[in-house]
Amino acid sequence: MRAAALPILVLAGALSGCSDVVASSDFETNDDGWSMTGDVAPKPELHATGGNPGGCICGLDLMQSDIWYFVAPGKYLGNVSRAWGKRLTWDIKGSSTFFLIKGRDVVMQGPGVSIVFNVTDFPGLDWTPYAATLDVNSGWQLDTPDHPDATEADIKSVLSDLHALRIRGEFVDGPDHECLDNVEFGIK
């Protein structure tokens, strides 16, 4: 009987799509525990339609001058060392292409060190996909005033005990409304 049960468990694991992905959020039915920080309401708006495809979460700028971020829930945090060399991907849809501002696009905080990733282009009015590979060749920098490149040790330290993961939502100097969809962390 034990010999027959093993193939069924292996097959069940293969059918369920088991992978080494740390976490993902598609926002089809809920906000998946995401929150907001900065110049925005603390809870994102869930939109059942308008995503890429299906649902998405959105934030509305409160116009109090701080840049705001989408904040990942607990399932993205902790020891996520298995994400080293893999990618963080996400889609953003902006509300304007005027008065755009630069900022720290992804912030990851670990024990005593924070790293940032900046995208090379702004999101458009339609969904714009982004990806950041977690390695030393992809442009991660230390979140310090002089922004030196993050070393392998820096990135691995953050991944060994990730305390926070934030994805920038505000891109406009003025009123704006951005949406986030299809966040995947630790994909090949």
N, C-alpha and C. Protein backbone atom coordinates (compact mmCIF):
# COMPACT_ATOMS: atom_id res chain seq x y z
N MET A 1 0.82 -1.19 0.00
CA MET A 1 0.00 0.00 0.00
C MET A 1 0.87 1.26 0.00
N ARG A 2 1.95 1.28 0.76
CA ARG A 2 2.81 2.46 0.77
C ARG A 2 3.42 2.72 -0.61
N ALA A 3 3.81 1.71 -1.30
CA ALA A 3 4.42 1.89 -2.61
C ALA A 3 3.44 2.52 -3.59
N ALA A 4 2.17 2.22 -3.49
CA ALA A 4 1.17 2.78 -4.40
C ALA A 4 0.87 4.24 -4.05
N ALA A 5 0.98 4.63 -2.79
CA ALA A 5 0.64 5.99 -2.38
C ALA A 5 1.67 7.01 -2.87
N LEU A 6 2.94 6.64 -2.94
CA LEU A 6 3.98 7.56 -3.33
C LEU A 6 3.77 8.14 -4.72
N PRO A 7 3.50 7.35 -5.77
CA PRO A 7 3.29 7.95 -7.08
C PRO A 7 2.11 8.91 -7.11
N ILE A 8 1.08 8.65 -6.33
CA ILE A 8 -0.07 9.56 -6.31
C ILE A 8 0.34 10.91 -5.73
N LEU A 9 1.16 10.91 -4.66
CA LEU A 9 1.61 12.17 -4.07
C LEU A 9 2.51 12.93 -5.03
N VAL A 10 3.40 12.23 -5.71
CA VAL A 10 4.27 12.88 -6.68
C VAL A 10 3.44 13.49 -7.80
N LEU A 11 2.47 12.76 -8.30
CA LEU A 11 1.61 13.26 -9.36
C LEU A 11 0.79 14.45 -8.87
N ALA A 12 0.28 14.41 -7.65
CA ALA A 12 -0.49 15.52 -7.12
C ALA A 12 0.37 16.77 -7.03
N GLY A 13 1.63 16.64 -6.63
CA GLY A 13 2.54 17.78 -6.56
C GLY A 13 2.81 18.36 -7.94
N ALA A 14 2.98 17.51 -8.93
CA ALA A 14 3.22 17.98 -10.30
C ALA A 14 2.01 18.69 -10.86
N LEU A 15 0.82 18.20 -10.56
CA LEU A 15 -0.39 18.82 -11.09
C LEU A 15 -0.71 20.14 -10.41
N SER A 16 -0.29 20.33 -9.17
CA SER A 16 -0.63 21.56 -8.46
C SER A 16 0.29 22.72 -8.85
N GLY A 17 1.27 22.48 -9.72
CA GLY A 17 2.15 23.55 -10.17
C GLY A 17 3.20 23.93 -9.15
N CYS A 18 3.63 22.98 -8.32
CA CYS A 18 4.65 23.26 -7.32
C CYS A 18 5.87 23.85 -8.02
N SER A 19 6.43 24.88 -7.43
CA SER A 19 7.63 25.48 -7.97
C SER A 19 8.40 26.11 -6.83
N ASP A 20 9.51 26.68 -7.14
CA ASP A 20 10.33 27.32 -6.13
C ASP A 20 10.05 28.82 -6.05
N VAL A 21 8.96 29.29 -6.63
CA VAL A 21 8.59 30.69 -6.57
C VAL A 21 8.32 31.05 -5.11
N VAL A 22 8.88 32.16 -4.65
CA VAL A 22 8.68 32.59 -3.27
C VAL A 22 7.23 32.95 -3.04
N ALA A 23 6.69 33.82 -3.89
CA ALA A 23 5.30 34.26 -3.73
C ALA A 23 4.84 34.93 -5.02
N SER A 24 3.54 34.95 -5.21
CA SER A 24 2.96 35.67 -6.35
C SER A 24 1.59 36.20 -5.97
N SER A 25 1.17 37.25 -6.65
CA SER A 25 -0.14 37.87 -6.43
C SER A 25 -0.71 38.28 -7.77
N ASP A 26 -1.92 37.79 -8.08
CA ASP A 26 -2.57 38.20 -9.33
C ASP A 26 -3.79 39.07 -9.12
N PHE A 27 -4.21 39.24 -7.86
CA PHE A 27 -5.29 40.14 -7.48
C PHE A 27 -6.61 39.85 -8.20
N GLU A 28 -6.84 38.59 -8.51
CA GLU A 28 -8.09 38.22 -9.19
C GLU A 28 -9.30 38.31 -8.27
N THR A 29 -9.14 37.97 -6.99
CA THR A 29 -10.30 37.95 -6.09
C THR A 29 -10.12 38.80 -4.84
N ASN A 30 -8.87 39.19 -4.50
CA ASN A 30 -8.64 40.01 -3.31
C ASN A 30 -7.31 40.73 -3.43
N ASP A 31 -7.01 41.57 -2.43
CA ASP A 31 -5.75 42.33 -2.47
C ASP A 31 -4.56 41.51 -1.98
N ASP A 32 -4.79 40.25 -1.63
CA ASP A 32 -3.75 39.30 -1.25
C ASP A 32 -2.89 39.78 -0.08
N GLY A 33 -3.44 40.69 0.74
CA GLY A 33 -2.72 41.17 1.91
C GLY A 33 -1.79 42.34 1.67
N TRP A 34 -1.75 42.86 0.44
CA TRP A 34 -0.90 44.02 0.15
C TRP A 34 -1.44 45.24 0.88
N SER A 35 -0.55 46.13 1.25
CA SER A 35 -0.93 47.40 1.88
C SER A 35 -0.22 48.52 1.14
N MET A 36 -0.32 49.72 1.68
CA MET A 36 0.27 50.89 1.04
C MET A 36 0.99 51.71 2.11
N THR A 37 1.99 52.48 1.70
CA THR A 37 2.67 53.39 2.60
C THR A 37 3.04 54.65 1.85
N GLY A 38 3.13 55.75 2.58
CA GLY A 38 3.46 57.04 1.98
C GLY A 38 2.22 57.88 1.79
N ASP A 39 2.21 58.62 0.73
CA ASP A 39 1.17 59.61 0.42
C ASP A 39 -0.06 58.96 -0.24
N VAL A 40 -0.69 58.01 0.48
CA VAL A 40 -1.76 57.21 -0.10
C VAL A 40 -2.56 56.59 1.05
N ALA A 41 -3.79 56.18 0.77
CA ALA A 41 -4.57 55.45 1.78
C ALA A 41 -3.82 54.16 2.14
N PRO A 42 -3.94 53.66 3.38
CA PRO A 42 -3.16 52.50 3.80
C PRO A 42 -3.57 51.18 3.16
N LYS A 43 -4.76 51.12 2.59
CA LYS A 43 -5.25 49.88 1.97
C LYS A 43 -5.49 50.13 0.49
N PRO A 44 -4.98 49.26 -0.39
CA PRO A 44 -5.21 49.47 -1.82
C PRO A 44 -6.66 49.21 -2.20
N GLU A 45 -7.07 49.82 -3.30
CA GLU A 45 -8.39 49.55 -3.88
C GLU A 45 -8.28 48.31 -4.75
N LEU A 46 -9.18 47.37 -4.55
CA LEU A 46 -9.22 46.18 -5.41
C LEU A 46 -10.18 46.47 -6.56
N HIS A 47 -9.70 46.27 -7.77
CA HIS A 47 -10.54 46.42 -8.96
C HIS A 47 -10.71 45.03 -9.57
N ALA A 48 -11.95 44.57 -9.70
CA ALA A 48 -12.23 43.23 -10.23
C ALA A 48 -11.92 43.14 -11.72
N THR A 49 -11.92 44.26 -12.40
CA THR A 49 -11.60 44.29 -13.83
C THR A 49 -10.56 45.38 -14.07
N GLY A 50 -10.00 45.39 -15.26
CA GLY A 50 -9.02 46.40 -15.62
C GLY A 50 -7.60 45.98 -15.37
N GLY A 51 -7.40 44.77 -14.82
CA GLY A 51 -6.06 44.26 -14.58
C GLY A 51 -5.43 43.74 -15.85
N ASN A 52 -4.36 42.99 -15.70
CA ASN A 52 -3.61 42.51 -16.86
C ASN A 52 -3.48 40.99 -16.85
N PRO A 53 -4.49 40.21 -17.07
CA PRO A 53 -5.92 40.53 -17.17
C PRO A 53 -6.59 40.45 -15.80
N GLY A 54 -7.89 40.50 -15.77
CA GLY A 54 -8.67 40.32 -14.54
C GLY A 54 -8.52 41.48 -13.59
N GLY A 55 -8.31 41.15 -12.29
CA GLY A 55 -8.26 42.17 -11.25
C GLY A 55 -6.89 42.78 -11.07
N CYS A 56 -6.85 43.85 -10.26
CA CYS A 56 -5.61 44.53 -9.92
C CYS A 56 -5.86 45.34 -8.66
N ILE A 57 -4.80 45.87 -8.07
CA ILE A 57 -4.95 46.79 -6.94
C ILE A 57 -4.43 48.15 -7.37
N CYS A 58 -5.04 49.20 -6.80
CA CYS A 58 -4.69 50.56 -7.18
C CYS A 58 -4.57 51.44 -5.95
N GLY A 59 -3.83 52.52 -6.11
CA GLY A 59 -3.70 53.52 -5.07
C GLY A 59 -3.93 54.90 -5.64
N LEU A 60 -4.49 55.78 -4.83
CA LEU A 60 -4.79 57.15 -5.22
C LEU A 60 -3.96 58.10 -4.38
N ASP A 61 -3.16 58.93 -5.04
CA ASP A 61 -2.29 59.89 -4.39
C ASP A 61 -3.11 60.86 -3.53
N LEU A 62 -2.70 61.05 -2.27
CA LEU A 62 -3.37 62.00 -1.38
C LEU A 62 -2.81 63.42 -1.51
N MET A 63 -1.78 63.57 -2.36
CA MET A 63 -1.16 64.86 -2.67
C MET A 63 -0.62 65.57 -1.43
N GLN A 64 0.13 64.82 -0.61
CA GLN A 64 0.77 65.39 0.56
C GLN A 64 2.29 65.35 0.44
N SER A 65 2.78 65.20 -0.76
CA SER A 65 4.18 65.32 -1.17
C SER A 65 5.05 64.08 -1.00
N ASP A 66 4.67 63.06 -0.25
CA ASP A 66 5.49 61.85 -0.12
C ASP A 66 5.24 60.91 -1.29
N ILE A 67 6.29 60.21 -1.72
CA ILE A 67 6.12 59.15 -2.72
C ILE A 67 5.51 57.95 -2.02
N TRP A 68 4.56 57.31 -2.69
CA TRP A 68 3.89 56.17 -2.05
C TRP A 68 4.26 54.86 -2.73
N TYR A 69 4.07 53.78 -1.95
CA TYR A 69 4.48 52.44 -2.37
C TYR A 69 3.39 51.42 -2.10
N PHE A 70 3.38 50.37 -2.92
CA PHE A 70 2.65 49.15 -2.63
C PHE A 70 3.57 48.32 -1.72
N VAL A 71 3.04 47.75 -0.64
CA VAL A 71 3.84 47.01 0.34
C VAL A 71 3.42 45.54 0.33
N ALA A 72 4.40 44.66 0.10
CA ALA A 72 4.14 43.22 0.02
C ALA A 72 3.74 42.64 1.37
N PRO A 73 2.86 41.64 1.36
CA PRO A 73 2.46 40.97 2.60
C PRO A 73 3.52 39.97 3.06
N GLY A 74 3.26 39.38 4.22
CA GLY A 74 4.19 38.46 4.87
C GLY A 74 4.67 37.29 4.03
N LYS A 75 3.85 36.80 3.10
CA LYS A 75 4.28 35.63 2.33
C LYS A 75 5.49 35.92 1.44
N TYR A 76 5.82 37.19 1.23
CA TYR A 76 7.00 37.58 0.43
C TYR A 76 8.25 37.75 1.30
N LEU A 77 8.10 37.68 2.61
CA LEU A 77 9.17 38.05 3.53
C LEU A 77 9.80 36.85 4.22
N GLY A 78 10.82 37.12 5.04
CA GLY A 78 11.52 36.07 5.75
C GLY A 78 12.74 35.60 4.99
N ASN A 79 13.11 34.34 5.16
CA ASN A 79 14.25 33.78 4.45
C ASN A 79 13.82 33.41 3.04
N VAL A 80 14.17 34.26 2.10
CA VAL A 80 13.83 34.05 0.69
C VAL A 80 15.10 33.88 -0.13
N SER A 81 16.11 33.26 0.49
CA SER A 81 17.41 33.06 -0.17
C SER A 81 17.29 32.35 -1.51
N ARG A 82 16.28 31.52 -1.65
CA ARG A 82 16.11 30.77 -2.91
C ARG A 82 15.79 31.69 -4.09
N ALA A 83 15.53 32.98 -3.83
CA ALA A 83 15.26 33.94 -4.91
C ALA A 83 16.55 34.49 -5.53
N TRP A 84 17.71 34.21 -4.92
CA TRP A 84 18.98 34.68 -5.48
C TRP A 84 19.12 34.20 -6.93
N GLY A 85 19.44 35.11 -7.83
CA GLY A 85 19.63 34.77 -9.24
C GLY A 85 18.33 34.67 -10.02
N LYS A 86 17.21 34.81 -9.34
CA LYS A 86 15.90 34.75 -10.01
C LYS A 86 15.33 36.17 -10.09
N ARG A 87 14.11 36.29 -10.56
CA ARG A 87 13.55 37.62 -10.83
C ARG A 87 12.35 37.96 -9.95
N LEU A 88 12.19 39.24 -9.76
CA LEU A 88 10.96 39.85 -9.26
C LEU A 88 10.33 40.51 -10.47
N THR A 89 9.07 40.17 -10.77
CA THR A 89 8.38 40.79 -11.91
C THR A 89 7.08 41.41 -11.42
N TRP A 90 6.64 42.46 -12.11
CA TRP A 90 5.39 43.13 -11.77
C TRP A 90 4.95 43.97 -12.95
N ASP A 91 3.67 44.31 -12.97
CA ASP A 91 3.09 45.18 -13.98
C ASP A 91 2.52 46.41 -13.28
N ILE A 92 2.74 47.59 -13.87
CA ILE A 92 2.21 48.86 -13.35
C ILE A 92 1.50 49.58 -14.48
N LYS A 93 0.39 50.20 -14.15
CA LYS A 93 -0.33 51.05 -15.10
C LYS A 93 -0.45 52.43 -14.47
N GLY A 94 0.04 53.46 -15.18
CA GLY A 94 -0.01 54.82 -14.67
C GLY A 94 -1.25 55.56 -15.11
N SER A 95 -1.42 56.77 -14.56
CA SER A 95 -2.58 57.59 -14.89
C SER A 95 -2.21 58.83 -15.68
N SER A 96 -0.91 59.08 -15.84
CA SER A 96 -0.48 60.27 -16.57
C SER A 96 0.93 60.05 -17.10
N THR A 97 1.24 60.74 -18.18
CA THR A 97 2.61 60.71 -18.71
C THR A 97 3.25 62.09 -18.61
N PHE A 98 2.66 62.97 -17.80
CA PHE A 98 3.17 64.32 -17.60
C PHE A 98 3.67 64.50 -16.17
N PHE A 99 4.64 65.40 -15.99
CA PHE A 99 5.20 65.73 -14.68
C PHE A 99 5.71 64.49 -13.95
N LEU A 100 6.40 63.62 -14.68
CA LEU A 100 6.90 62.37 -14.10
C LEU A 100 8.11 62.64 -13.21
N ILE A 101 8.20 61.88 -12.13
CA ILE A 101 9.30 62.02 -11.17
C ILE A 101 10.03 60.69 -11.00
N LYS A 102 11.33 60.80 -10.78
CA LYS A 102 12.12 59.60 -10.49
C LYS A 102 12.02 59.28 -9.00
N GLY A 103 12.29 58.04 -8.68
CA GLY A 103 12.26 57.60 -7.29
C GLY A 103 12.85 56.21 -7.19
N ARG A 104 12.85 55.68 -6.01
CA ARG A 104 13.33 54.31 -5.77
C ARG A 104 12.17 53.39 -6.14
N ASP A 105 12.34 52.59 -7.18
CA ASP A 105 11.21 51.81 -7.72
C ASP A 105 10.92 50.54 -6.95
N VAL A 106 11.94 49.85 -6.48
CA VAL A 106 11.76 48.68 -5.62
C VAL A 106 12.71 48.85 -4.45
N VAL A 107 12.19 48.67 -3.25
CA VAL A 107 13.01 48.76 -2.05
C VAL A 107 12.84 47.44 -1.30
N MET A 108 13.98 46.80 -0.99
CA MET A 108 13.98 45.57 -0.20
C MET A 108 14.84 45.82 1.03
N GLN A 109 14.25 45.59 2.20
CA GLN A 109 14.96 45.83 3.45
C GLN A 109 15.23 44.52 4.17
N GLY A 110 16.48 44.38 4.60
CA GLY A 110 16.88 43.20 5.37
C GLY A 110 17.52 43.64 6.66
N PRO A 111 18.25 42.73 7.30
CA PRO A 111 18.88 43.05 8.59
C PRO A 111 20.04 44.05 8.42
N GLY A 112 19.77 45.32 8.72
CA GLY A 112 20.80 46.34 8.68
C GLY A 112 21.17 46.85 7.31
N VAL A 113 20.50 46.40 6.26
CA VAL A 113 20.82 46.87 4.91
C VAL A 113 19.55 46.91 4.07
N SER A 114 19.48 47.93 3.22
CA SER A 114 18.38 48.04 2.26
C SER A 114 18.98 48.17 0.88
N ILE A 115 18.34 47.54 -0.09
CA ILE A 115 18.77 47.66 -1.48
C ILE A 115 17.61 48.21 -2.31
N VAL A 116 17.97 48.91 -3.38
CA VAL A 116 16.96 49.51 -4.26
C VAL A 116 17.24 49.14 -5.70
N PHE A 117 16.17 49.11 -6.47
CA PHE A 117 16.26 48.87 -7.91
C PHE A 117 15.45 49.96 -8.60
N ASN A 118 16.03 50.57 -9.62
CA ASN A 118 15.35 51.61 -10.37
C ASN A 118 15.13 51.17 -11.80
N VAL A 119 13.92 51.34 -12.29
CA VAL A 119 13.59 50.99 -13.66
C VAL A 119 14.14 52.06 -14.60
N THR A 120 14.26 51.72 -15.87
CA THR A 120 14.83 52.67 -16.82
C THR A 120 13.78 53.51 -17.53
N ASP A 121 12.52 53.13 -17.41
CA ASP A 121 11.47 53.91 -18.06
C ASP A 121 10.24 53.98 -17.16
N PHE A 122 9.43 54.98 -17.40
CA PHE A 122 8.22 55.17 -16.60
C PHE A 122 7.08 54.31 -17.12
N PRO A 123 6.14 53.95 -16.25
CA PRO A 123 4.98 53.19 -16.73
C PRO A 123 4.11 54.08 -17.63
N GLY A 124 3.44 53.41 -18.56
CA GLY A 124 2.55 54.13 -19.45
C GLY A 124 1.11 54.08 -18.95
N LEU A 125 0.22 54.51 -19.80
CA LEU A 125 -1.21 54.50 -19.48
C LEU A 125 -1.78 53.09 -19.61
N ASP A 126 -1.08 52.23 -20.33
CA ASP A 126 -1.42 50.81 -20.42
C ASP A 126 -0.43 50.06 -19.53
N TRP A 127 -0.70 48.77 -19.32
CA TRP A 127 0.15 47.97 -18.44
C TRP A 127 1.58 47.92 -18.95
N THR A 128 2.52 48.19 -18.06
CA THR A 128 3.94 48.15 -18.37
C THR A 128 4.58 47.07 -17.50
N PRO A 129 5.18 46.04 -18.12
CA PRO A 129 5.82 44.98 -17.32
C PRO A 129 7.25 45.38 -16.92
N TYR A 130 7.65 44.97 -15.73
CA TYR A 130 9.00 45.21 -15.23
C TYR A 130 9.55 43.92 -14.65
N ALA A 131 10.89 43.83 -14.65
CA ALA A 131 11.57 42.68 -14.05
C ALA A 131 12.90 43.15 -13.45
N ALA A 132 13.24 42.58 -12.31
CA ALA A 132 14.52 42.86 -11.65
C ALA A 132 15.11 41.53 -11.22
N THR A 133 16.23 41.16 -11.81
CA THR A 133 16.91 39.94 -11.41
C THR A 133 17.70 40.20 -10.14
N LEU A 134 17.63 39.28 -9.21
CA LEU A 134 18.31 39.43 -7.93
C LEU A 134 19.73 38.90 -8.04
N ASP A 135 20.59 39.73 -8.62
CA ASP A 135 22.01 39.41 -8.76
C ASP A 135 22.81 40.71 -8.84
N VAL A 136 24.12 40.61 -8.91
CA VAL A 136 24.98 41.80 -8.91
C VAL A 136 25.05 42.49 -10.26
N ASN A 137 24.53 41.90 -11.30
CA ASN A 137 24.62 42.47 -12.64
C ASN A 137 23.39 43.24 -13.07
N SER A 138 22.40 43.38 -12.21
CA SER A 138 21.11 43.94 -12.63
C SER A 138 20.83 45.35 -12.13
N GLY A 139 21.77 45.97 -11.46
CA GLY A 139 21.60 47.37 -11.09
C GLY A 139 21.10 47.63 -9.68
N TRP A 140 21.11 46.62 -8.80
CA TRP A 140 20.71 46.86 -7.41
C TRP A 140 21.76 47.75 -6.76
N GLN A 141 21.29 48.69 -5.94
CA GLN A 141 22.17 49.61 -5.23
C GLN A 141 21.82 49.60 -3.76
N LEU A 142 22.79 49.99 -2.94
CA LEU A 142 22.51 50.18 -1.52
C LEU A 142 21.66 51.43 -1.37
N ASP A 143 20.73 51.40 -0.44
CA ASP A 143 19.84 52.54 -0.19
C ASP A 143 20.53 53.47 0.80
N THR A 144 21.59 54.10 0.32
CA THR A 144 22.36 55.07 1.09
C THR A 144 22.51 56.32 0.23
N PRO A 145 22.93 57.45 0.81
CA PRO A 145 23.01 58.69 0.03
C PRO A 145 23.87 58.60 -1.22
N ASP A 146 24.95 57.81 -1.20
CA ASP A 146 25.82 57.74 -2.38
C ASP A 146 25.46 56.59 -3.33
N HIS A 147 24.52 55.74 -3.00
CA HIS A 147 23.98 54.66 -3.84
C HIS A 147 25.04 53.78 -4.52
N PRO A 148 25.98 53.21 -3.74
CA PRO A 148 26.93 52.29 -4.38
C PRO A 148 26.22 51.01 -4.83
N ASP A 149 26.83 50.34 -5.80
CA ASP A 149 26.26 49.07 -6.25
C ASP A 149 26.21 48.08 -5.10
N ALA A 150 25.13 47.33 -5.02
CA ALA A 150 25.00 46.28 -3.99
C ALA A 150 25.90 45.11 -4.38
N THR A 151 26.59 44.56 -3.41
CA THR A 151 27.43 43.39 -3.64
C THR A 151 26.58 42.13 -3.52
N GLU A 152 27.15 41.02 -3.91
CA GLU A 152 26.48 39.74 -3.73
C GLU A 152 26.14 39.52 -2.25
N ALA A 153 27.09 39.87 -1.37
CA ALA A 153 26.87 39.71 0.06
C ALA A 153 25.71 40.58 0.54
N ASP A 154 25.60 41.81 0.02
CA ASP A 154 24.51 42.71 0.39
C ASP A 154 23.15 42.11 -0.01
N ILE A 155 23.05 41.68 -1.24
CA ILE A 155 21.78 41.14 -1.75
C ILE A 155 21.42 39.86 -1.00
N LYS A 156 22.39 38.98 -0.82
CA LYS A 156 22.12 37.73 -0.11
C LYS A 156 21.75 37.97 1.36
N SER A 157 22.33 39.00 1.97
CA SER A 157 21.97 39.34 3.34
C SER A 157 20.51 39.77 3.43
N VAL A 158 20.08 40.61 2.49
CA VAL A 158 18.68 41.04 2.46
C VAL A 158 17.76 39.84 2.24
N LEU A 159 18.11 38.97 1.29
CA LEU A 159 17.27 37.81 0.99
C LEU A 159 17.24 36.80 2.13
N SER A 160 18.27 36.78 2.95
CA SER A 160 18.31 35.81 4.05
C SER A 160 17.28 36.13 5.14
N ASP A 161 16.85 37.39 5.21
CA ASP A 161 15.88 37.80 6.22
C ASP A 161 15.17 39.07 5.74
N LEU A 162 14.37 38.93 4.70
CA LEU A 162 13.69 40.08 4.10
C LEU A 162 12.61 40.60 5.04
N HIS A 163 12.77 41.86 5.44
CA HIS A 163 11.83 42.50 6.37
C HIS A 163 10.72 43.25 5.64
N ALA A 164 11.03 43.80 4.46
CA ALA A 164 10.05 44.59 3.71
C ALA A 164 10.38 44.58 2.24
N LEU A 165 9.32 44.56 1.43
CA LEU A 165 9.41 44.66 -0.03
C LEU A 165 8.38 45.69 -0.46
N ARG A 166 8.85 46.79 -1.06
CA ARG A 166 7.96 47.84 -1.52
C ARG A 166 8.19 48.10 -3.01
N ILE A 167 7.09 48.28 -3.73
CA ILE A 167 7.12 48.62 -5.15
C ILE A 167 6.48 50.00 -5.31
N ARG A 168 7.21 50.92 -5.93
CA ARG A 168 6.73 52.30 -6.05
C ARG A 168 5.44 52.36 -6.84
N GLY A 169 4.51 53.18 -6.34
CA GLY A 169 3.25 53.41 -7.02
C GLY A 169 3.12 54.81 -7.57
N GLU A 170 3.84 55.76 -7.00
CA GLU A 170 3.70 57.16 -7.43
C GLU A 170 4.79 57.54 -8.42
N PHE A 171 4.35 58.05 -9.57
CA PHE A 171 5.28 58.46 -10.63
C PHE A 171 5.03 59.87 -11.12
N VAL A 172 4.03 60.56 -10.57
CA VAL A 172 3.63 61.87 -11.08
C VAL A 172 3.75 62.92 -9.98
N ASP A 173 4.30 64.07 -10.32
CA ASP A 173 4.33 65.21 -9.40
C ASP A 173 2.99 65.92 -9.53
N GLY A 174 2.05 65.48 -8.74
CA GLY A 174 0.68 65.97 -8.82
C GLY A 174 -0.26 64.81 -8.59
N PRO A 175 -1.54 65.00 -8.86
CA PRO A 175 -2.50 63.91 -8.63
C PRO A 175 -2.22 62.72 -9.55
N ASP A 176 -2.24 61.54 -8.98
CA ASP A 176 -2.03 60.35 -9.79
C ASP A 176 -2.76 59.16 -9.17
N HIS A 177 -2.92 58.13 -9.99
CA HIS A 177 -3.64 56.91 -9.62
C HIS A 177 -2.97 55.78 -10.39
N GLU A 178 -2.20 54.95 -9.67
CA GLU A 178 -1.50 53.85 -10.32
C GLU A 178 -2.05 52.52 -9.84
N CYS A 179 -1.88 51.49 -10.71
CA CYS A 179 -2.37 50.15 -10.39
C CYS A 179 -1.24 49.14 -10.54
N LEU A 180 -1.31 48.06 -9.75
CA LEU A 180 -0.30 47.00 -9.72
C LEU A 180 -0.97 45.67 -10.01
N ASP A 181 -0.27 44.82 -10.77
CA ASP A 181 -0.79 43.48 -11.07
C ASP A 181 0.38 42.53 -11.30
N ASN A 182 0.09 41.24 -11.22
CA ASN A 182 1.00 40.15 -11.62
C ASN A 182 2.37 40.21 -10.96
N VAL A 183 2.41 40.33 -9.64
CA VAL A 183 3.68 40.32 -8.93
C VAL A 183 4.11 38.87 -8.75
N GLU A 184 5.34 38.57 -9.19
CA GLU A 184 5.91 37.24 -9.00
C GLU A 184 7.33 37.42 -8.48
N PHE A 185 7.65 36.72 -7.42
CA PHE A 185 8.93 36.87 -6.75
C PHE A 185 9.64 35.52 -6.72
N GLY A 186 10.82 35.48 -7.36
CA GLY A 186 11.62 34.27 -7.35
C GLY A 186 11.37 33.38 -8.56
N ILE A 187 11.04 33.97 -9.70
CA ILE A 187 10.83 33.16 -10.90
C ILE A 187 12.09 33.15 -11.75
N LYS A 188 12.25 32.11 -12.53
CA LYS A 188 13.44 31.98 -13.39
C LYS A 188 13.32 32.88 -14.59
